[in-house]
Amino acid sequence: MTTSPDTSSFHLERHPLDLVFRRVRLTARDWVTPDYVRIRLSGDELKGFVSLGSDDHVRVLFPEEQPNSLEELRAAPSREYTPLAWDSEAGWLDLEFALHGDEGVGAPWAARAPIGSLAGVGGPRGSAVIQGRPDAWFLAGDETAVPAIRRFVRLMDADSTGRILIEVTAADRELPLAGVPSGVTVTYVHRGDALAGTALATELERIGAAERPLGSVFGFIAAEQSIVKAGRALLHGRWALPTDQSIVKGYWKRGETEYHAPH
């Protein structure tokens, strides 16, 4: 069953935002698992920060030395992350990082930078906001998509139904989700030593057209860039979800440290 856009129970509304750069400092670190860390960035310049969409991205800048100007800070190495939680009055922002050894710039900094270290935050540049109520939800991703999945879960009401798939390395690396309604099932896909995204892609390929929920379904799939093929084949192919009412994207690309997820 498909639902035409004019009878859909929801739609994605685009909101452009002014690009603002803010100076912040690392003020807290919490290990969720040995390979996954949550940090808090704080600073007066975060007052007024806003992130409207669950799939938003901010660019976090990691200077190697104390910058002498905002221009020097903006020139520092940077990566993009999904805002997890924030308080625009108190001036703090929480982010989560998946660690893969010493790879990259952001994850090692999140894991080891001294409390009080300076960083920068730019954005978000724009948001895609769900207006209305999906009849069902389908969310899938690897560890890098968990902050966005957490935020989508916050939009669900007690009667929401759907399915969430999260790929992690093993059972002791499963990332708990809080507040998931009873009608939404959560399944963890364990990849073991396989390349990130491959186990999730296999799981997506097993899902047939008959498993499509009735009504207007919001679909979100994000992981290593190779997930896009399997994700589109399911959501846009077998399930025929409108492309403007679902999100399928690569959050990172194997072997490319400068890869940026599409907005």
Foldseek 3Di string as FASTA:
>chain_A
DADDPVPAQKFWDKFFDDKDKDKWFWADWDDQAPFKIKTKTFDLRLQVPDAAALPFKKKKFAAPDDDPDVVSQVPGDIAIAGWQDDDNHRGMTMTMDGHDDPPADPPVCSVDPDGGHMMMIIDDRMHTHMDGDHQAEEEEEEPRCVSSVLVVQVVDDQPYAYEYEYEDADPSPDRDHPNHHPRYYYYYFHDHPDDKPPRRLVVLQPDALVPADPGQYEEEYEYAAVSQVSRCCRVCNSPNHDPRRYYHWYPHYPPDNPDHIDD
